[in-house]
Amino acid sequence: MSSTHTMSPSRRAYMRKKRRRQNLIRFCQFAMLFVTVFLWEWLARIGVIDSFIMSQPTRILRTMGNFQNNNLLHHIGITVLETIIGFTLGVLIGMCIAFTLWWSKFLAKVADPYLVVLNALPKIALGPVIIIWVGAGMQAVIVMALAISLVVTIMEMLNGFANTSPELIKMAKTFGANRLQTFIKIVFPSNLHTLFSCLKINIGLSLVGVIAGEFLVSRAGLGYLIVYGGQVFQMDLVMTSVIILGVLAALFYCFIMLVEWVVMRVCYK
């Protein structure tokens, strides 16, 4: 017998109410987007807002439709590639450093004030230094994305490792587990939620780092298009690039949520 037939009437009523609320939320989200776009287009057409400065949805659609002349796909591909590389490096290196600091409490205490300072430091200020270190080009953009996401990964994961249930760790030690086995069997699995929360934050930070790097040195990418469009007063190109960035950020976030859902189903089935 299916689970629907075995539900109590109150449970079925609760589930119907929950579905109605979710549907209402989705409807309001799409309605808000539709109203915003409609008002933007209408106000631009009647001259309340200057479409040359603020652009308008129809002009943005024409710019997107003319993607071959604007070489939009090439610029999108460059930004996506730089973001993925910077994000992946930031997560992997940050995880390794967080593991090292968890392993050695002495190193963790030594590094703590430096991590706080580095986290508070505006990374864009390091842009000229990064360019001198690694040269102008894609490598500088990737290092900028890495610099922005790295410290957040270290601090978030180290905090999660340090706050793992002491009872579970004590139980593992009671059964003779060494420190590495404790990490693999207890500490890391207990922080999967922390890891995915960190990933959701870092993908946005990596995208910010990429755009900041493209502002400074790149000759390709959406950040370059935004700067170029502003310099030649092509605000349609600027607004199109900004909207595409928003779509990319949402797609990255949804992909991480999908991976999280799969991993959690596998680990906790």
C-alpha atoms as a PDB file:
ATOM      1  CA  MET A   1       0.000   0.000   0.000  1.00  0.00           C
ATOM      2  CA  SER A   2       1.374   3.465  -0.885  1.00  0.00           C
ATOM      3  CA  SER A   3       2.356   5.960   1.775  1.00  0.00           C
ATOM      4  CA  THR A   4      -0.410   8.337   0.617  1.00  0.00           C
ATOM      5  CA  HIS A   5      -3.123   5.835   1.572  1.00  0.00           C
ATOM      6  CA  THR A   6      -1.533   5.158   4.961  1.00  0.00           C
ATOM      7  CA  MET A   7      -1.449   8.858   5.937  1.00  0.00           C
ATOM      8  CA  SER A   8      -3.850  10.065   8.566  1.00  0.00           C
ATOM      9  CA  PRO A   9      -6.390  12.732   7.519  1.00  0.00           C
ATOM     10  CA  SER A  10      -4.588  15.381   9.558  1.00  0.00           C
ATOM     11  CA  ARG A  11      -1.280  14.458   7.913  1.00  0.00           C
ATOM     12  CA  ARG A  12      -2.813  14.678   4.426  1.00  0.00           C
ATOM     13  CA  ALA A  13      -4.318  18.061   5.291  1.00  0.00           C
ATOM     14  CA  TYR A  14      -0.928  19.278   6.536  1.00  0.00           C
ATOM     15  CA  MET A  15       0.806  18.103   3.345  1.00  0.00           C
ATOM     16  CA  ARG A  16      -1.831  19.798   1.152  1.00  0.00           C
ATOM     17  CA  LYS A  17      -1.403  23.019   3.107  1.00  0.00           C
ATOM     18  CA  LYS A  18       2.372  22.795   2.765  1.00  0.00           C
ATOM     19  CA  ARG A  19       2.143  22.228  -1.017  1.00  0.00           C
ATOM     20  CA  ARG A  20      -0.265  25.149  -1.399  1.00  0.00           C
ATOM     21  CA  ARG A  21       2.137  27.391   0.506  1.00  0.00           C
ATOM     22  CA  GLN A  22       5.078  26.293  -1.651  1.00  0.00           C
ATOM     23  CA  ASN A  23       3.067  26.913  -4.816  1.00  0.00           C
ATOM     24  CA  LEU A  24       2.040  30.345  -3.525  1.00  0.00           C
ATOM     25  CA  ILE A  25       5.670  31.219  -2.805  1.00  0.00           C
ATOM     26  CA  ARG A  26       6.742  30.179  -6.328  1.00  0.00           C
ATOM     27  CA  PHE A  27       3.850  32.128  -7.860  1.00  0.00           C
ATOM     28  CA  CYS A  28       4.797  35.265  -5.909  1.00  0.00           C
ATOM     29  CA  GLN A  29       8.443  34.884  -6.939  1.00  0.00           C
ATOM     30  CA  PHE A  30       7.591  34.660 -10.646  1.00  0.00           C
ATOM     31  CA  ALA A  31       4.981  37.411 -10.317  1.00  0.00           C
ATOM     32  CA  MET A  32       7.514  39.723  -8.694  1.00  0.00           C
ATOM     33  CA  LEU A  33       9.974  39.079 -11.510  1.00  0.00           C
ATOM     34  CA  PHE A  34       7.302  39.638 -14.167  1.00  0.00           C
ATOM     35  CA  VAL A  35       6.079  42.883 -12.581  1.00  0.00           C
ATOM     36  CA  THR A  36       9.635  44.197 -12.233  1.00  0.00           C
ATOM     37  CA  VAL A  37      10.449  43.488 -15.890  1.00  0.00           C
ATOM     38  CA  PHE A  38       7.105  44.889 -17.057  1.00  0.00           C
ATOM     39  CA  LEU A  39       7.515  48.127 -15.055  1.00  0.00           C
ATOM     40  CA  TRP A  40      11.111  48.506 -16.243  1.00  0.00           C
ATOM     41  CA  GLU A  41      10.039  48.200 -19.896  1.00  0.00           C
ATOM     42  CA  TRP A  42       6.951  50.383 -19.512  1.00  0.00           C
ATOM     43  CA  LEU A  43       8.742  53.187 -17.634  1.00  0.00           C
ATOM     44  CA  ALA A  44      11.493  53.187 -20.259  1.00  0.00           C
ATOM     45  CA  ARG A  45       8.962  53.402 -23.098  1.00  0.00           C
ATOM     46  CA  ILE A  46       7.076  56.378 -21.591  1.00  0.00           C
ATOM     47  CA  GLY A  47      10.330  58.151 -20.778  1.00  0.00           C
ATOM     48  CA  VAL A  48      10.195  58.072 -16.979  1.00  0.00           C
ATOM     49  CA  ILE A  49      13.602  56.367 -16.942  1.00  0.00           C
ATOM     50  CA  ASP A  50      16.319  56.970 -19.505  1.00  0.00           C
ATOM     51  CA  SER A  51      16.744  53.760 -21.514  1.00  0.00           C
ATOM     52  CA  PHE A  52      20.190  54.932 -22.641  1.00  0.00           C
ATOM     53  CA  ILE A  53      21.417  54.891 -19.036  1.00  0.00           C
ATOM     54  CA  MET A  54      19.203  52.171 -17.520  1.00  0.00           C
ATOM     55  CA  SER A  55      18.636  50.156 -20.708  1.00  0.00           C
ATOM     56  CA  GLN A  56      15.379  48.178 -20.941  1.00  0.00           C
ATOM     57  CA  PRO A  57      14.365  44.500 -21.260  1.00  0.00           C
ATOM     58  CA  THR A  58      13.699  44.569 -25.024  1.00  0.00           C
ATOM     59  CA  ARG A  59      17.091  46.147 -25.724  1.00  0.00           C
ATOM     60  CA  ILE A  60      18.761  43.556 -23.473  1.00  0.00           C
ATOM     61  CA  LEU A  61      16.981  40.766 -25.360  1.00  0.00           C
ATOM     62  CA  ARG A  62      18.199  42.226 -28.668  1.00  0.00           C
ATOM     63  CA  THR A  63      21.748  42.308 -27.292  1.00  0.00           C
ATOM     64  CA  MET A  64      21.460  38.672 -26.203  1.00  0.00           C
ATOM     65  CA  GLY A  65      20.018  37.737 -29.579  1.00  0.00           C
ATOM     66  CA  ASN A  66      22.974  39.405 -31.259  1.00  0.00           C
ATOM     67  CA  PHE A  67      25.388  37.207 -29.269  1.00  0.00           C
ATOM     68  CA  GLN A  68      27.532  36.339 -32.302  1.00  0.00           C
ATOM     69  CA  ASN A  69      28.497  39.953 -32.991  1.00  0.00           C
ATOM     70  CA  ASN A  70      29.070  40.600 -29.277  1.00  0.00           C
ATOM     71  CA  ASN A  71      30.926  37.271 -28.879  1.00  0.00           C
ATOM     72  CA  LEU A  72      28.859  36.690 -25.741  1.00  0.00           C
ATOM     73  CA  LEU A  73      29.296  32.922 -25.649  1.00  0.00           C
ATOM     74  CA  HIS A  74      33.091  33.264 -25.661  1.00  0.00           C
ATOM     75  CA  HIS A  75      33.021  35.755 -22.788  1.00  0.00           C
ATOM     76  CA  ILE A  76      30.561  33.625 -20.792  1.00  0.00           C
ATOM     77  CA  GLY A  77      32.757  30.566 -21.313  1.00  0.00           C
ATOM     78  CA  ILE A  78      35.861  32.400 -20.080  1.00  0.00           C
ATOM     79  CA  THR A  79      34.106  33.609 -16.924  1.00  0.00           C
ATOM     80  CA  VAL A  80      32.648  30.152 -16.197  1.00  0.00           C
ATOM     81  CA  LEU A  81      36.033  28.469 -16.681  1.00  0.00           C
ATOM     82  CA  GLU A  82      37.845  30.949 -14.423  1.00  0.00           C
ATOM     83  CA  THR A  83      35.151  30.636 -11.763  1.00  0.00           C
ATOM     84  CA  ILE A  84      35.228  26.834 -11.740  1.00  0.00           C
ATOM     85  CA  ILE A  85      39.040  26.710 -11.541  1.00  0.00           C
ATOM     86  CA  GLY A  86      39.242  29.349  -8.794  1.00  0.00           C
ATOM     87  CA  PHE A  87      36.379  27.777  -6.856  1.00  0.00           C
ATOM     88  CA  THR A  88      37.828  24.259  -7.081  1.00  0.00           C
ATOM     89  CA  LEU A  89      41.311  25.366  -6.040  1.00  0.00           C
ATOM     90  CA  GLY A  90      39.915  27.438  -3.168  1.00  0.00           C
ATOM     91  CA  VAL A  91      37.899  24.513  -1.818  1.00  0.00           C
ATOM     92  CA  LEU A  92      40.657  21.905  -2.171  1.00  0.00           C
ATOM     93  CA  ILE A  93      43.473  24.047  -0.771  1.00  0.00           C
ATOM     94  CA  GLY A  94      41.215  25.428   1.964  1.00  0.00           C
ATOM     95  CA  MET A  95      40.147  21.927   3.009  1.00  0.00           C
ATOM     96  CA  CYS A  96      43.784  20.771   3.192  1.00  0.00           C
ATOM     97  CA  ILE A  97      44.790  23.755   5.311  1.00  0.00           C
ATOM     98  CA  ALA A  98      41.749  23.354   7.566  1.00  0.00           C
ATOM     99  CA  PHE A  99      42.623  19.674   8.053  1.00  0.00           C
ATOM    100  CA  THR A 100      46.225  20.605   8.921  1.00  0.00           C
ATOM    101  CA  LEU A 101      45.098  23.195  11.464  1.00  0.00           C
ATOM    102  CA  TRP A 102      42.600  20.735  12.975  1.00  0.00           C
ATOM    103  CA  TRP A 103      45.376  18.152  13.262  1.00  0.00           C
ATOM    104  CA  SER A 104      47.678  20.575  15.089  1.00  0.00           C
ATOM    105  CA  LYS A 105      46.025  22.774  17.699  1.00  0.00           C
ATOM    106  CA  PHE A 106      49.334  24.591  18.108  1.00  0.00           C
ATOM    107  CA  LEU A 107      49.342  25.643  14.434  1.00  0.00           C
ATOM    108  CA  ALA A 108      45.664  26.576  14.679  1.00  0.00           C
ATOM    109  CA  LYS A 109      46.338  28.960  17.554  1.00  0.00           C
ATOM    110  CA  VAL A 110      49.336  30.458  15.734  1.00  0.00           C
ATOM    111  CA  ALA A 111      47.345  30.973  12.516  1.00  0.00           C
ATOM    112  CA  ASP A 112      44.142  32.265  14.136  1.00  0.00           C
ATOM    113  CA  PRO A 113      44.920  36.039  14.198  1.00  0.00           C
ATOM    114  CA  TYR A 114      46.323  35.903  10.659  1.00  0.00           C
ATOM    115  CA  LEU A 115      43.188  34.208   9.359  1.00  0.00           C
ATOM    116  CA  VAL A 116      41.036  36.888  10.989  1.00  0.00           C
ATOM    117  CA  VAL A 117      43.090  39.683   9.428  1.00  0.00           C
ATOM    118  CA  LEU A 118      43.164  38.033   6.003  1.00  0.00           C
ATOM    119  CA  ASN A 119      39.415  37.460   6.127  1.00  0.00           C
ATOM    120  CA  ALA A 120      38.798  41.146   6.897  1.00  0.00           C
ATOM    121  CA  LEU A 121      41.286  42.401   4.288  1.00  0.00           C
ATOM    122  CA  PRO A 122      39.632  43.662   1.047  1.00  0.00           C
ATOM    123  CA  LYS A 123      41.106  41.229  -1.474  1.00  0.00           C
ATOM    124  CA  ILE A 124      40.707  43.689  -4.341  1.00  0.00           C
ATOM    125  CA  ALA A 125      43.552  45.649  -2.706  1.00  0.00           C
ATOM    126  CA  LEU A 126      45.828  42.732  -3.552  1.00  0.00           C
ATOM    127  CA  GLY A 127      45.003  43.045  -7.259  1.00  0.00           C
ATOM    128  CA  PRO A 128      48.134  44.983  -8.319  1.00  0.00           C
ATOM    129  CA  VAL A 129      50.334  42.695  -6.215  1.00  0.00           C
ATOM    130  CA  ILE A 130      48.765  39.576  -7.756  1.00  0.00           C
ATOM    131  CA  ILE A 131      49.306  40.967 -11.257  1.00  0.00           C
ATOM    132  CA  ILE A 132      53.001  41.545 -10.513  1.00  0.00           C
ATOM    133  CA  TRP A 133      53.352  38.074  -8.966  1.00  0.00           C
ATOM    134  CA  VAL A 134      51.648  35.932 -11.607  1.00  0.00           C
ATOM    135  CA  GLY A 135      51.329  38.279 -14.567  1.00  0.00           C
ATOM    136  CA  ALA A 136      48.340  39.794 -16.303  1.00  0.00           C
ATOM    137  CA  GLY A 137      45.874  37.352 -17.797  1.00  0.00           C
ATOM    138  CA  MET A 138      43.688  34.436 -16.796  1.00  0.00           C
ATOM    139  CA  GLN A 139      46.115  33.285 -14.096  1.00  0.00           C
ATOM    140  CA  ALA A 140      45.721  36.598 -12.250  1.00  0.00           C
ATOM    141  CA  VAL A 141      41.921  36.327 -12.400  1.00  0.00           C
ATOM    142  CA  ILE A 142      42.026  32.775 -11.030  1.00  0.00           C
ATOM    143  CA  VAL A 143      44.363  33.773  -8.195  1.00  0.00           C
ATOM    144  CA  MET A 144      42.015  36.633  -7.307  1.00  0.00           C
ATOM    145  CA  ALA A 145      39.077  34.216  -7.098  1.00  0.00           C
ATOM    146  CA  LEU A 146      41.227  31.840  -5.046  1.00  0.00           C
ATOM    147  CA  ALA A 147      42.281  34.604  -2.655  1.00  0.00           C
ATOM    148  CA  ILE A 148      38.678  35.595  -1.966  1.00  0.00           C
ATOM    149  CA  SER A 149      37.335  32.088  -1.348  1.00  0.00           C
ATOM    150  CA  LEU A 150      40.332  30.449   0.351  1.00  0.00           C
ATOM    151  CA  VAL A 151      40.204  32.060   3.799  1.00  0.00           C
ATOM    152  CA  VAL A 152      36.433  31.578   4.081  1.00  0.00           C
ATOM    153  CA  THR A 153      36.850  27.867   3.349  1.00  0.00           C
ATOM    154  CA  ILE A 154      39.597  27.513   5.954  1.00  0.00           C
ATOM    155  CA  MET A 155      37.671  29.298   8.703  1.00  0.00           C
ATOM    156  CA  GLU A 156      34.309  27.639   8.026  1.00  0.00           C
ATOM    157  CA  MET A 157      35.666  24.109   7.786  1.00  0.00           C
ATOM    158  CA  LEU A 158      38.074  24.501  10.708  1.00  0.00           C
ATOM    159  CA  ASN A 159      35.216  25.760  12.860  1.00  0.00           C
ATOM    160  CA  GLY A 160      33.107  22.776  11.815  1.00  0.00           C
ATOM    161  CA  PHE A 161      35.920  20.299  12.507  1.00  0.00           C
ATOM    162  CA  ALA A 162      36.616  21.837  15.920  1.00  0.00           C
ATOM    163  CA  ASN A 163      32.952  21.678  16.936  1.00  0.00           C
ATOM    164  CA  THR A 164      32.403  18.034  16.027  1.00  0.00           C
ATOM    165  CA  SER A 165      30.626  16.150  18.821  1.00  0.00           C
ATOM    166  CA  PRO A 166      33.267  15.310  21.462  1.00  0.00           C
ATOM    167  CA  GLU A 167      31.223  12.260  22.492  1.00  0.00           C
ATOM    168  CA  LEU A 168      31.572  10.748  19.021  1.00  0.00           C
ATOM    169  CA  ILE A 169      35.304  11.458  18.965  1.00  0.00           C
ATOM    170  CA  LYS A 170      35.713   9.950  22.417  1.00  0.00           C
ATOM    171  CA  MET A 171      33.786   6.864  21.328  1.00  0.00           C
ATOM    172  CA  ALA A 172      36.073   6.453  18.285  1.00  0.00           C
ATOM    173  CA  LYS A 173      39.156   6.705  20.486  1.00  0.00           C
ATOM    174  CA  THR A 174      37.661   4.140  22.845  1.00  0.00           C
ATOM    175  CA  PHE A 175      37.520   1.674  19.935  1.00  0.00           C
ATOM    176  CA  GLY A 176      41.196   2.370  19.180  1.00  0.00           C
ATOM    177  CA  ALA A 177      40.829   4.755  16.241  1.00  0.00           C
ATOM    178  CA  ASN A 178      43.849   6.950  15.556  1.00  0.00           C
ATOM    179  CA  ARG A 179      43.566  10.636  14.655  1.00  0.00           C
ATOM    180  CA  LEU A 180      43.369  10.074  10.893  1.00  0.00           C
ATOM    181  CA  GLN A 181      40.718   7.355  11.262  1.00  0.00           C
ATOM    182  CA  THR A 182      38.754   9.640  13.592  1.00  0.00           C
ATOM    183  CA  PHE A 183      38.811  12.356  10.958  1.00  0.00           C
ATOM    184  CA  ILE A 184      37.763  10.052   8.124  1.00  0.00           C
ATOM    185  CA  LYS A 185      35.059   8.168  10.050  1.00  0.00           C
ATOM    186  CA  ILE A 186      33.703  10.836  12.404  1.00  0.00           C
ATOM    187  CA  VAL A 187      34.854  14.415  11.842  1.00  0.00           C
ATOM    188  CA  PHE A 188      34.518  14.771   8.067  1.00  0.00           C
ATOM    189  CA  PRO A 189      31.168  12.931   7.703  1.00  0.00           C
ATOM    190  CA  SER A 190      29.768  15.003  10.573  1.00  0.00           C
ATOM    191  CA  ASN A 191      30.594  18.187   8.648  1.00  0.00           C
ATOM    192  CA  LEU A 192      29.087  17.433   5.257  1.00  0.00           C
ATOM    193  CA  HIS A 193      26.413  20.069   5.873  1.00  0.00           C
ATOM    194  CA  THR A 194      29.152  22.548   6.813  1.00  0.00           C
ATOM    195  CA  LEU A 195      31.027  21.669   3.635  1.00  0.00           C
ATOM    196  CA  PHE A 196      28.043  22.281   1.372  1.00  0.00           C
ATOM    197  CA  SER A 197      27.165  25.504   3.193  1.00  0.00           C
ATOM    198  CA  CYS A 198      30.734  26.580   2.561  1.00  0.00           C
ATOM    199  CA  LEU A 199      30.462  25.617  -1.108  1.00  0.00           C
ATOM    200  CA  LYS A 200      27.287  27.684  -1.517  1.00  0.00           C
ATOM    201  CA  ILE A 201      29.057  30.717  -0.091  1.00  0.00           C
ATOM    202  CA  ASN A 202      32.269  30.138  -2.001  1.00  0.00           C
ATOM    203  CA  ILE A 203      30.745  29.827  -5.451  1.00  0.00           C
ATOM    204  CA  GLY A 204      29.402  33.365  -5.118  1.00  0.00           C
ATOM    205  CA  LEU A 205      32.683  34.638  -3.695  1.00  0.00           C
ATOM    206  CA  SER A 206      34.634  32.973  -6.504  1.00  0.00           C
ATOM    207  CA  LEU A 207      32.411  34.658  -9.080  1.00  0.00           C
ATOM    208  CA  VAL A 208      32.973  38.008  -7.347  1.00  0.00           C
ATOM    209  CA  GLY A 209      36.734  37.384  -7.401  1.00  0.00           C
ATOM    210  CA  VAL A 210      36.662  36.508 -11.097  1.00  0.00           C
ATOM    211  CA  ILE A 211      34.735  39.654 -12.009  1.00  0.00           C
ATOM    212  CA  ALA A 212      37.068  41.791  -9.867  1.00  0.00           C
ATOM    213  CA  GLY A 213      40.055  40.223 -11.607  1.00  0.00           C
ATOM    214  CA  GLU A 214      38.503  40.743 -15.044  1.00  0.00           C
ATOM    215  CA  PHE A 215      37.916  44.393 -14.181  1.00  0.00           C
ATOM    216  CA  LEU A 216      41.666  44.778 -13.618  1.00  0.00           C
ATOM    217  CA  VAL A 217      43.475  42.691 -16.214  1.00  0.00           C
ATOM    218  CA  SER A 218      41.272  40.571 -18.453  1.00  0.00           C
ATOM    219  CA  ARG A 219      40.666  40.983 -22.169  1.00  0.00           C
ATOM    220  CA  ALA A 220      37.782  38.524 -22.111  1.00  0.00           C
ATOM    221  CA  GLY A 221      34.954  37.559 -19.787  1.00  0.00           C
ATOM    222  CA  LEU A 222      31.794  39.198 -18.508  1.00  0.00           C
ATOM    223  CA  GLY A 223      33.756  41.516 -16.222  1.00  0.00           C
ATOM    224  CA  TYR A 224      35.688  42.777 -19.232  1.00  0.00           C
ATOM    225  CA  LEU A 225      32.409  43.301 -21.127  1.00  0.00           C
ATOM    226  CA  ILE A 226      31.018  45.362 -18.235  1.00  0.00           C
ATOM    227  CA  VAL A 227      34.102  47.598 -18.183  1.00  0.00           C
ATOM    228  CA  TYR A 228      34.180  47.868 -21.975  1.00  0.00           C
ATOM    229  CA  GLY A 229      30.458  48.633 -22.188  1.00  0.00           C
ATOM    230  CA  GLY A 230      30.817  51.378 -19.574  1.00  0.00           C
ATOM    231  CA  GLN A 231      33.766  52.934 -21.392  1.00  0.00           C
ATOM    232  CA  VAL A 232      31.953  53.138 -24.756  1.00  0.00           C
ATOM    233  CA  PHE A 233      28.548  53.929 -23.157  1.00  0.00           C
ATOM    234  CA  GLN A 234      26.904  50.694 -24.360  1.00  0.00           C
ATOM    235  CA  MET A 235      24.713  50.258 -21.316  1.00  0.00           C
ATOM    236  CA  ASP A 236      22.723  47.505 -23.026  1.00  0.00           C
ATOM    237  CA  LEU A 237      25.900  45.414 -23.048  1.00  0.00           C
ATOM    238  CA  VAL A 238      26.584  46.272 -19.389  1.00  0.00           C
ATOM    239  CA  MET A 239      23.094  45.336 -18.211  1.00  0.00           C
ATOM    240  CA  THR A 240      23.087  42.173 -20.345  1.00  0.00           C
ATOM    241  CA  SER A 241      26.378  41.073 -18.746  1.00  0.00           C
ATOM    242  CA  VAL A 242      25.036  41.794 -15.258  1.00  0.00           C
ATOM    243  CA  ILE A 243      21.877  39.759 -15.882  1.00  0.00           C
ATOM    244  CA  ILE A 244      23.898  36.866 -17.299  1.00  0.00           C
ATOM    245  CA  LEU A 245      26.078  36.979 -14.177  1.00  0.00           C
ATOM    246  CA  GLY A 246      22.961  36.684 -12.040  1.00  0.00           C
ATOM    247  CA  VAL A 247      21.781  33.689 -14.056  1.00  0.00           C
ATOM    248  CA  LEU A 248      25.221  32.040 -13.795  1.00  0.00           C
ATOM    249  CA  ALA A 249      25.284  32.566 -10.019  1.00  0.00           C
ATOM    250  CA  ALA A 250      21.844  30.963  -9.713  1.00  0.00           C
ATOM    251  CA  LEU A 251      22.868  28.006 -11.904  1.00  0.00           C
ATOM    252  CA  PHE A 252      26.064  27.423  -9.907  1.00  0.00           C
ATOM    253  CA  TYR A 253      24.080  27.545  -6.669  1.00  0.00           C
ATOM    254  CA  CYS A 254      21.431  25.124  -7.981  1.00  0.00           C
ATOM    255  CA  PHE A 255      24.125  22.712  -9.149  1.00  0.00           C
ATOM    256  CA  ILE A 256      25.695  22.654  -5.675  1.00  0.00           C
ATOM    257  CA  MET A 257      22.260  22.081  -4.132  1.00  0.00           C
ATOM    258  CA  LEU A 258      21.715  19.166  -6.535  1.00  0.00           C
ATOM    259  CA  VAL A 259      25.086  17.646  -5.617  1.00  0.00           C
ATOM    260  CA  GLU A 260      24.250  18.116  -1.925  1.00  0.00           C
ATOM    261  CA  TRP A 261      20.897  16.353  -2.369  1.00  0.00           C
ATOM    262  CA  VAL A 262      22.562  13.399  -4.130  1.00  0.00           C
ATOM    263  CA  VAL A 263      25.362  13.105  -1.583  1.00  0.00           C
ATOM    264  CA  MET A 264      23.003  13.293   1.395  1.00  0.00           C
ATOM    265  CA  ARG A 265      20.716  10.655  -0.094  1.00  0.00           C
ATOM    266  CA  VAL A 266      23.659   8.342  -0.655  1.00  0.00           C
ATOM    267  CA  CYS A 267      25.221   8.947   2.761  1.00  0.00           C
ATOM    268  CA  TYR A 268      22.059   8.906   4.874  1.00  0.00           C
ATOM    269  CA  LYS A 269      19.784   6.490   3.015  1.00  0.00           C
END
